[in-house]
PDB file of all heavy atoms in Angstrom:
ATOM      1  N   ALA A   1      32.211  10.805  55.330  1.00  0.00           N
ATOM      2  CA  ALA A   1      32.441  11.611  54.133  1.00  0.00           C
ATOM      3  C   ALA A   1      31.126  12.206  53.646  1.00  0.00           C
ATOM      4  O   ALA A   1      31.042  13.393  53.257  1.00  0.00           O
ATOM      5  CB  ALA A   1      33.114  10.785  53.051  1.00  0.00           C
ATOM      6  N   LEU A   2      30.104  11.363  53.634  1.00  0.00           N
ATOM      7  CA  LEU A   2      28.790  11.847  53.233  1.00  0.00           C
ATOM      8  C   LEU A   2      28.293  12.924  54.189  1.00  0.00           C
ATOM      9  O   LEU A   2      27.721  13.951  53.781  1.00  0.00           O
ATOM     10  CB  LEU A   2      27.788  10.681  53.190  1.00  0.00           C
ATOM     11  CG  LEU A   2      26.338  10.973  52.797  1.00  0.00           C
ATOM     12  CD1 LEU A   2      26.289  11.504  51.357  1.00  0.00           C
ATOM     13  CD2 LEU A   2      25.465   9.761  52.918  1.00  0.00           C
ATOM     14  N   SER A   3      28.489  12.706  55.497  1.00  0.00           N
ATOM     15  CA  SER A   3      28.070  13.683  56.488  1.00  0.00           C
ATOM     16  C   SER A   3      28.792  15.009  56.358  1.00  0.00           C
ATOM     17  O   SER A   3      28.222  16.082  56.532  1.00  0.00           O
ATOM     18  CB  SER A   3      28.268  13.098  57.873  1.00  0.00           C
ATOM     19  OG  SER A   3      27.985  14.058  58.886  1.00  0.00           O
ATOM     20  N   ALA A   4      30.095  14.963  56.040  1.00  0.00           N
ATOM     21  CA  ALA A   4      30.867  16.197  55.881  1.00  0.00           C
ATOM     22  C   ALA A   4      30.306  17.053  54.754  1.00  0.00           C
ATOM     23  O   ALA A   4      30.160  18.296  54.874  1.00  0.00           O
ATOM     24  CB  ALA A   4      32.316  15.856  55.612  1.00  0.00           C
ATOM     25  N   ALA A   5      29.943  16.428  53.644  1.00  0.00           N
ATOM     26  CA  ALA A   5      29.352  17.181  52.532  1.00  0.00           C
ATOM     27  C   ALA A   5      28.000  17.755  52.939  1.00  0.00           C
ATOM     28  O   ALA A   5      27.686  18.912  52.607  1.00  0.00           O
ATOM     29  CB  ALA A   5      29.202  16.277  51.316  1.00  0.00           C
ATOM     30  N   HIS A   6      27.218  17.001  53.695  1.00  0.00           N
ATOM     31  CA  HIS A   6      25.908  17.482  54.142  1.00  0.00           C
ATOM     32  C   HIS A   6      26.052  18.682  55.118  1.00  0.00           C
ATOM     33  O   HIS A   6      25.273  19.605  55.068  1.00  0.00           O
ATOM     34  CB  HIS A   6      25.152  16.340  54.807  1.00  0.00           C
ATOM     35  CG  HIS A   6      24.389  15.486  53.806  1.00  0.00           C
ATOM     36  ND1 HIS A   6      23.025  15.413  53.765  1.00  0.00           N
ATOM     37  CD2 HIS A   6      24.842  14.676  52.787  1.00  0.00           C
ATOM     38  CE1 HIS A   6      22.654  14.587  52.790  1.00  0.00           C
ATOM     39  NE2 HIS A   6      23.750  14.133  52.197  1.00  0.00           N
ATOM     40  N   ASN A   7      27.072  18.592  55.966  1.00  0.00           N
ATOM     41  CA  ASN A   7      27.277  19.702  56.924  1.00  0.00           C
ATOM     42  C   ASN A   7      27.600  21.003  56.202  1.00  0.00           C
ATOM     43  O   ASN A   7      27.107  22.077  56.557  1.00  0.00           O
ATOM     44  CB  ASN A   7      28.416  19.357  57.872  1.00  0.00           C
ATOM     45  CG  ASN A   7      28.002  18.316  58.885  1.00  0.00           C
ATOM     46  OD1 ASN A   7      26.821  18.124  59.161  1.00  0.00           O
ATOM     47  ND2 ASN A   7      28.970  17.609  59.481  1.00  0.00           N
ATOM     48  N   LEU A   8      28.460  20.903  55.157  1.00  0.00           N
ATOM     49  CA  LEU A   8      28.782  22.107  54.388  1.00  0.00           C
ATOM     50  C   LEU A   8      27.542  22.706  53.723  1.00  0.00           C
ATOM     51  O   LEU A   8      27.327  23.899  53.695  1.00  0.00           O
ATOM     52  CB  LEU A   8      29.839  21.791  53.340  1.00  0.00           C
ATOM     53  CG  LEU A   8      31.234  21.434  53.861  1.00  0.00           C
ATOM     54  CD1 LEU A   8      32.139  21.043  52.713  1.00  0.00           C
ATOM     55  CD2 LEU A   8      31.854  22.619  54.624  1.00  0.00           C
ATOM     56  N   LEU A   9      26.715  21.829  53.172  1.00  0.00           N
ATOM     57  CA  LEU A   9      25.511  22.289  52.509  1.00  0.00           C
ATOM     58  C   LEU A   9      24.505  22.873  53.513  1.00  0.00           C
ATOM     59  O   LEU A   9      23.804  23.834  53.183  1.00  0.00           O
ATOM     60  CB  LEU A   9      24.870  21.119  51.728  1.00  0.00           C
ATOM     61  CG  LEU A   9      25.631  20.714  50.461  1.00  0.00           C
ATOM     62  CD1 LEU A   9      25.128  19.366  49.984  1.00  0.00           C
ATOM     63  CD2 LEU A   9      25.439  21.766  49.371  1.00  0.00           C
ATOM     64  N   THR A  10      24.434  22.306  54.665  1.00  0.00           N
ATOM     65  CA  THR A  10      23.506  22.807  55.671  1.00  0.00           C
ATOM     66  C   THR A  10      23.856  24.206  56.106  1.00  0.00           C
ATOM     67  O   THR A  10      22.983  25.070  56.330  1.00  0.00           O
ATOM     68  CB  THR A  10      23.476  21.874  56.904  1.00  0.00           C
ATOM     69  OG1 THR A  10      23.086  20.569  56.481  1.00  0.00           O
ATOM     70  CG2 THR A  10      22.507  22.368  57.958  1.00  0.00           C
ATOM     71  N   ARG A  11      25.173  24.492  56.220  1.00  0.00           N
ATOM     72  CA  ARG A  11      25.606  25.842  56.576  1.00  0.00           C
ATOM     73  C   ARG A  11      25.168  26.868  55.549  1.00  0.00           C
ATOM     74  O   ARG A  11      24.896  28.016  55.874  1.00  0.00           O
ATOM     75  CB  ARG A  11      27.136  25.896  56.701  1.00  0.00           C
ATOM     76  CG  ARG A  11      27.686  25.123  57.871  1.00  0.00           C
ATOM     77  CD  ARG A  11      29.148  25.491  58.125  1.00  0.00           C
ATOM     78  NE  ARG A  11      29.820  24.442  58.863  1.00  0.00           N
ATOM     79  CZ  ARG A  11      30.844  23.752  58.381  1.00  0.00           C
ATOM     80  NH1 ARG A  11      31.307  24.019  57.169  1.00  0.00           N
ATOM     81  NH2 ARG A  11      31.443  22.804  59.108  1.00  0.00           N
ATOM     82  N   ARG A  12      25.080  26.436  54.297  1.00  0.00           N
ATOM     83  CA  ARG A  12      24.635  27.338  53.228  1.00  0.00           C
ATOM     84  C   ARG A  12      23.162  27.129  52.897  1.00  0.00           C
ATOM     85  O   ARG A  12      22.699  27.560  51.839  1.00  0.00           O
ATOM     86  CB  ARG A  12      25.506  27.119  52.003  1.00  0.00           C
ATOM     87  CG  ARG A  12      26.935  27.535  52.139  1.00  0.00           C
ATOM     88  CD  ARG A  12      27.536  27.750  50.757  1.00  0.00           C
ATOM     89  NE  ARG A  12      28.918  28.157  50.814  1.00  0.00           N
ATOM     90  CZ  ARG A  12      29.588  28.574  49.753  1.00  0.00           C
ATOM     91  NH1 ARG A  12      28.981  28.595  48.567  1.00  0.00           N
ATOM     92  NH2 ARG A  12      30.846  28.935  49.830  1.00  0.00           N
ATOM     93  N   ARG A  13      22.424  26.487  53.787  1.00  0.00           N
ATOM     94  CA  ARG A  13      20.999  26.252  53.609  1.00  0.00           C
ATOM     95  C   ARG A  13      20.721  25.509  52.301  1.00  0.00           C
ATOM     96  O   ARG A  13      19.724  25.779  51.623  1.00  0.00           O
ATOM     97  CB  ARG A  13      20.223  27.567  53.670  1.00  0.00           C
ATOM     98  CG  ARG A  13      20.357  28.274  55.000  1.00  0.00           C
ATOM     99  CD  ARG A  13      19.539  29.537  55.054  1.00  0.00           C
ATOM    100  NE  ARG A  13      19.662  30.224  56.337  1.00  0.00           N
ATOM    101  CZ  ARG A  13      19.024  31.323  56.675  1.00  0.00           C
ATOM    102  NH1 ARG A  13      18.253  31.922  55.802  1.00  0.00           N
ATOM    103  NH2 ARG A  13      19.217  31.864  57.855  1.00  0.00           N
ATOM    104  N   TRP A  14      21.625  24.662  51.939  1.00  0.00           N
ATOM    105  CA  TRP A  14      21.461  23.819  50.737  1.00  0.00           C
ATOM    106  C   TRP A  14      21.299  24.625  49.468  1.00  0.00           C
ATOM    107  O   TRP A  14      20.613  24.248  48.533  1.00  0.00           O
ATOM    108  CB  TRP A  14      20.288  22.857  50.905  1.00  0.00           C
ATOM    109  CG  TRP A  14      20.652  21.699  51.797  1.00  0.00           C
ATOM    110  CD1 TRP A  14      20.621  21.713  53.153  1.00  0.00           C
ATOM    111  CD2 TRP A  14      21.102  20.409  51.415  1.00  0.00           C
ATOM    112  NE1 TRP A  14      21.049  20.503  53.633  1.00  0.00           N
ATOM    113  CE2 TRP A  14      21.335  19.664  52.606  1.00  0.00           C
ATOM    114  CE3 TRP A  14      21.306  19.801  50.191  1.00  0.00           C
ATOM    115  CZ2 TRP A  14      21.786  18.358  52.576  1.00  0.00           C
ATOM    116  CZ3 TRP A  14      21.769  18.481  50.176  1.00  0.00           C
ATOM    117  CH2 TRP A  14      21.997  17.788  51.356  1.00  0.00           C
ATOM    118  N   THR A  15      21.936  25.806  49.457  1.00  0.00           N
ATOM    119  CA  THR A  15      21.937  26.596  48.234  1.00  0.00           C
ATOM    120  C   THR A  15      23.129  26.249  47.347  1.00  0.00           C
ATOM    121  O   THR A  15      23.150  26.652  46.175  1.00  0.00           O
ATOM    122  CB  THR A  15      21.998  28.106  48.543  1.00  0.00           C
ATOM    123  OG1 THR A  15      23.169  28.358  49.341  1.00  0.00           O
ATOM    124  CG2 THR A  15      20.775  28.521  49.350  1.00  0.00           C
ATOM    125  N   GLY A  16      24.120  25.548  47.894  1.00  0.00           N
ATOM    126  CA  GLY A  16      25.314  25.174  47.137  1.00  0.00           C
ATOM    127  C   GLY A  16      26.476  25.027  48.085  1.00  0.00           C
ATOM    128  O   GLY A  16      26.373  25.273  49.284  1.00  0.00           O
ATOM    129  N   VAL A  17      27.614  24.601  47.535  1.00  0.00           N
ATOM    130  CA  VAL A  17      28.812  24.420  48.359  1.00  0.00           C
ATOM    131  C   VAL A  17      30.028  24.810  47.523  1.00  0.00           C
ATOM    132  O   VAL A  17      30.099  24.528  46.338  1.00  0.00           O
ATOM    133  CB  VAL A  17      28.930  22.949  48.831  1.00  0.00           C
ATOM    134  CG1 VAL A  17      29.030  21.990  47.655  1.00  0.00           C
ATOM    135  CG2 VAL A  17      30.123  22.771  49.779  1.00  0.00           C
ATOM    136  N   GLY A  18      30.975  25.486  48.175  1.00  0.00           N
ATOM    137  CA  GLY A  18      32.213  25.889  47.481  1.00  0.00           C
ATOM    138  C   GLY A  18      33.098  24.665  47.238  1.00  0.00           C
ATOM    139  O   GLY A  18      33.279  23.810  48.134  1.00  0.00           O
ATOM    140  N   LEU A  19      33.698  24.574  46.044  1.00  0.00           N
ATOM    141  CA  LEU A  19      34.536  23.404  45.713  1.00  0.00           C
ATOM    142  C   LEU A  19      35.755  23.371  46.617  1.00  0.00           C
ATOM    143  O   LEU A  19      36.143  22.296  47.084  1.00  0.00           O
ATOM    144  CB  LEU A  19      34.973  23.521  44.250  1.00  0.00           C
ATOM    145  CG  LEU A  19      35.916  22.408  43.761  1.00  0.00           C
ATOM    146  CD1 LEU A  19      35.305  21.029  44.013  1.00  0.00           C
ATOM    147  CD2 LEU A  19      36.241  22.607  42.299  1.00  0.00           C
ATOM    148  N   GLY A  20      36.336  24.522  46.915  1.00  0.00           N
ATOM    149  CA  GLY A  20      37.519  24.540  47.766  1.00  0.00           C
ATOM    150  C   GLY A  20      37.269  24.005  49.162  1.00  0.00           C
ATOM    151  O   GLY A  20      38.016  23.173  49.683  1.00  0.00           O
ATOM    152  N   GLU A  21      36.159  24.476  49.812  1.00  0.00           N
ATOM    153  CA  GLU A  21      35.876  23.978  51.149  1.00  0.00           C
ATOM    154  C   GLU A  21      35.444  22.510  51.136  1.00  0.00           C
ATOM    155  O   GLU A  21      35.705  21.782  52.098  1.00  0.00           O
ATOM    156  CB  GLU A  21      34.806  24.856  51.800  1.00  0.00           C
ATOM    157  CG  GLU A  21      33.485  24.885  51.058  1.00  0.00           C
ATOM    158  CD  GLU A  21      32.476  25.810  51.736  1.00  0.00           C
ATOM    159  OE1 GLU A  21      32.716  26.225  52.899  1.00  0.00           O
ATOM    160  OE2 GLU A  21      31.424  26.107  51.114  1.00  0.00           O
ATOM    161  N   LEU A  22      34.842  22.081  50.036  1.00  0.00           N
ATOM    162  CA  LEU A  22      34.464  20.674  49.944  1.00  0.00           C
ATOM    163  C   LEU A  22      35.719  19.806  49.884  1.00  0.00           C
ATOM    164  O   LEU A  22      35.805  18.749  50.573  1.00  0.00           O
ATOM    165  CB  LEU A  22      33.622  20.452  48.673  1.00  0.00           C
ATOM    166  CG  LEU A  22      33.191  19.022  48.389  1.00  0.00           C
ATOM    167  CD1 LEU A  22      32.231  18.515  49.467  1.00  0.00           C
ATOM    168  CD2 LEU A  22      32.559  18.901  47.005  1.00  0.00           C
ATOM    169  N   LEU A  23      36.713  20.220  49.081  1.00  0.00           N
ATOM    170  CA  LEU A  23      37.946  19.433  48.958  1.00  0.00           C
ATOM    171  C   LEU A  23      38.708  19.446  50.322  1.00  0.00           C
ATOM    172  O   LEU A  23      39.241  18.415  50.724  1.00  0.00           O
ATOM    173  CB  LEU A  23      38.832  20.003  47.856  1.00  0.00           C
ATOM    174  CG  LEU A  23      38.255  19.925  46.452  1.00  0.00           C
ATOM    175  CD1 LEU A  23      39.190  20.619  45.446  1.00  0.00           C
ATOM    176  CD2 LEU A  23      38.026  18.470  46.037  1.00  0.00           C
ATOM    177  N   ASP A  24      38.730  20.589  50.972  1.00  0.00           N
ATOM    178  CA  ASP A  24      39.417  20.674  52.262  1.00  0.00           C
ATOM    179  C   ASP A  24      38.800  19.712  53.272  1.00  0.00           C
ATOM    180  O   ASP A  24      39.498  19.013  54.034  1.00  0.00           O
ATOM    181  CB  ASP A  24      39.358  22.080  52.827  1.00  0.00           C
ATOM    182  CG  ASP A  24      40.248  23.059  52.054  1.00  0.00           C
ATOM    183  OD1 ASP A  24      41.174  22.557  51.369  1.00  0.00           O
ATOM    184  OD2 ASP A  24      40.007  24.271  52.133  1.00  0.00           O
ATOM    185  N   SER A  25      37.448  19.630  53.315  1.00  0.00           N
ATOM    186  CA  SER A  25      36.798  18.778  54.272  1.00  0.00           C
ATOM    187  C   SER A  25      37.064  17.297  54.030  1.00  0.00           C
ATOM    188  O   SER A  25      37.155  16.477  54.934  1.00  0.00           O
ATOM    189  CB  SER A  25      35.292  19.051  54.283  1.00  0.00           C
ATOM    190  OG  SER A  25      34.680  18.617  53.060  1.00  0.00           O
ATOM    191  N   GLN A  26      37.209  16.926  52.734  1.00  0.00           N
ATOM    192  CA  GLN A  26      37.369  15.501  52.387  1.00  0.00           C
ATOM    193  C   GLN A  26      38.854  15.068  52.453  1.00  0.00           C
ATOM    194  O   GLN A  26      39.171  13.880  52.637  1.00  0.00           O
ATOM    195  CB  GLN A  26      36.837  15.205  50.993  1.00  0.00           C
ATOM    196  CG  GLN A  26      35.347  15.448  50.863  1.00  0.00           C
ATOM    197  CD  GLN A  26      34.475  14.524  51.722  1.00  0.00           C
ATOM    198  OE1 GLN A  26      34.971  13.497  52.203  1.00  0.00           O
ATOM    199  NE2 GLN A  26      33.255  14.921  51.954  1.00  0.00           N
TER     200      GLN A  26
END
């Protein structure tokens, strides 16, 4: 779960993460 959140942030170069895609991944 921690890795999934990190992967989303890495795609956006750690500028932020969309709430919708974060919920979908978890």
